[in-house]
Protein backbone atom coordinates (compact mmCIF):
# COMPACT_ATOMS: atom_id res chain seq x y z
CA MET A 1 -90.31 19.28 -23.58
CA SER A 2 -91.59 15.62 -23.70
CA ASP A 3 -94.69 14.54 -22.17
CA SER A 4 -93.48 10.80 -21.73
CA PRO A 5 -93.22 9.65 -18.20
CA ALA A 6 -89.77 9.21 -16.59
CA PRO A 7 -88.33 5.71 -16.65
CA THR A 8 -88.73 3.93 -13.37
CA GLU A 9 -86.38 1.33 -11.97
CA THR A 10 -87.65 -2.37 -11.47
CA ALA A 11 -86.24 -5.06 -9.54
CA ASP A 12 -84.87 -8.17 -11.54
CA LYS A 13 -87.05 -11.22 -10.97
CA PRO A 14 -85.27 -14.41 -10.82
CA VAL A 15 -86.00 -16.71 -13.94
CA ASN A 16 -85.88 -20.52 -13.52
CA SER A 17 -84.08 -21.50 -16.61
CA GLU A 18 -83.37 -25.05 -15.44
CA ALA A 19 -84.71 -27.85 -17.58
CA PRO A 20 -87.51 -29.94 -15.90
CA THR A 21 -86.07 -32.84 -13.73
CA THR A 22 -88.79 -35.41 -14.39
CA ARG A 23 -87.35 -37.99 -16.55
CA GLU A 24 -89.54 -39.87 -18.98
CA ALA A 25 -88.19 -42.67 -21.33
CA VAL A 26 -90.19 -42.66 -24.50
CA LEU A 27 -90.37 -45.36 -27.39
CA VAL A 28 -90.85 -43.40 -30.58
CA VAL A 29 -90.51 -46.37 -33.08
CA VAL A 30 -90.85 -50.25 -32.57
CA GLY A 31 -91.42 -52.48 -35.37
CA VAL A 32 -90.34 -54.78 -38.13
CA ASP A 33 -88.42 -52.69 -41.02
CA VAL A 34 -89.99 -52.54 -44.45
CA ALA A 35 -87.87 -55.33 -45.78
CA GLY A 36 -88.90 -57.89 -42.97
CA THR A 37 -85.71 -58.47 -41.95
CA SER A 38 -85.00 -56.70 -38.74
CA VAL A 39 -86.81 -55.42 -35.89
CA LEU A 40 -86.07 -51.67 -35.17
CA ALA A 41 -86.31 -49.49 -32.19
CA THR A 42 -85.85 -45.81 -31.37
CA GLY A 43 -86.58 -43.60 -28.40
CA TYR A 44 -85.50 -40.56 -26.37
CA VAL A 45 -85.44 -39.73 -22.29
CA SER A 46 -86.69 -36.16 -21.60
CA GLY A 47 -85.63 -34.48 -18.37
CA VAL A 48 -81.81 -35.29 -18.81
CA ILE A 49 -79.54 -34.20 -21.41
CA GLU A 50 -76.36 -36.04 -21.43
CA ASP A 51 -73.87 -38.23 -23.41
CA GLY A 52 -72.87 -41.71 -22.32
CA GLY A 53 -75.71 -43.06 -20.33
CA ARG A 54 -77.01 -46.44 -21.25
CA CYS A 55 -80.03 -47.14 -23.47
CA VAL A 56 -81.47 -50.73 -23.56
CA PHE A 57 -84.38 -51.76 -25.68
CA GLU A 58 -85.76 -54.90 -24.27
CA PHE A 59 -88.32 -57.19 -25.93
CA THR A 60 -90.05 -59.93 -24.08
CA HIS A 61 -92.16 -62.82 -25.09
CA ASP A 62 -92.73 -65.51 -22.62
CA ALA A 63 -89.34 -66.56 -21.20
CA ASP A 64 -87.62 -65.17 -24.25
CA VAL A 65 -85.73 -61.72 -24.06
CA VAL A 66 -83.96 -59.88 -26.69
CA THR A 67 -82.03 -56.65 -25.88
CA ILE A 68 -80.32 -53.86 -27.86
CA GLU A 69 -77.94 -51.64 -25.92
CA GLN A 70 -76.33 -48.55 -26.92
CA ALA A 71 -75.10 -45.07 -25.42
CA GLY A 72 -77.26 -42.22 -25.09
CA VAL A 73 -76.56 -39.24 -27.06
CA ALA A 74 -77.28 -35.57 -25.85
CA ASP A 75 -79.49 -33.56 -28.29
CA ARG A 76 -81.04 -30.21 -27.70
CA MET A 77 -83.72 -31.07 -25.62
CA SER A 78 -83.33 -34.65 -24.28
CA THR A 79 -80.95 -37.83 -24.52
CA SER A 80 -81.40 -39.75 -27.78
CA CYS A 81 -81.52 -43.40 -27.88
CA SER A 82 -80.94 -43.71 -31.82
CA SER A 83 -82.09 -46.39 -33.82
CA GLY A 84 -81.18 -49.95 -33.02
CA GLN A 85 -81.92 -53.15 -34.82
CA VAL A 86 -81.96 -56.75 -34.31
CA PRO A 87 -82.34 -59.41 -37.15
CA LEU A 88 -85.98 -60.57 -37.38
CA GLU A 89 -84.84 -64.26 -37.00
CA ARG A 90 -83.99 -63.85 -33.37
CA PHE A 91 -87.80 -63.44 -32.65
CA ASP A 92 -90.48 -66.12 -32.45
CA ARG A 93 -93.89 -65.37 -33.87
CA GLY A 94 -96.41 -63.69 -31.74
CA THR A 95 -96.84 -60.60 -29.72
CA TRP A 96 -93.79 -59.17 -27.82
CA MET A 97 -93.51 -56.37 -25.19
CA ALA A 98 -91.04 -53.80 -25.90
CA VAL A 99 -89.59 -51.21 -23.27
CA LEU A 100 -87.05 -48.75 -23.43
CA ALA A 101 -84.76 -48.40 -20.00
CA TYR A 102 -82.29 -45.71 -19.65
CA GLU A 103 -79.39 -45.74 -17.05
CA GLY A 104 -78.17 -42.31 -16.77
CA LEU A 105 -74.74 -41.12 -15.69
CA SER A 106 -76.06 -40.60 -12.10
CA GLY A 107 -77.13 -44.34 -11.87
CA GLU A 108 -80.82 -43.51 -12.09
CA THR A 109 -82.83 -45.61 -14.28
CA THR A 110 -85.96 -44.64 -16.27
CA THR A 111 -88.23 -47.16 -18.03
CA SER A 112 -90.82 -46.44 -20.65
CA GLU A 113 -94.40 -47.40 -20.82
CA PRO A 114 -94.34 -51.04 -22.77
CA ILE A 115 -95.47 -51.17 -26.19
CA ASP A 116 -96.89 -54.51 -27.73
CA LEU A 117 -95.10 -55.64 -30.90
CA GLU A 118 -96.51 -58.30 -33.20
CA ILE A 119 -94.00 -60.35 -34.94
CA PRO A 120 -95.41 -61.97 -38.03
């Protein structure tokens, strides 16, 4: 005979396995490349995992606007806005403001916090 207790039945508790629904666009890298010929930008959007949304990196300085547009790509935990680049000659010297705006397949747009970019 065994002295171990008899197994008991337990009710299964529901588990919330859904990803968070709060979207956040994040600029990861914004800067002039090592060769000094292009401005690079990368980012991602948390809270959504999908292929085909629209990533727009926007750089503004006074009345000048430079953009990079590309499709978002689903990865394991977010939607990636992979590296985009623009020739440095399209930028005047000075401080530019960079943001990432993501328009999802649902039509919802999420915009990152701005980052200052110094063009030498």
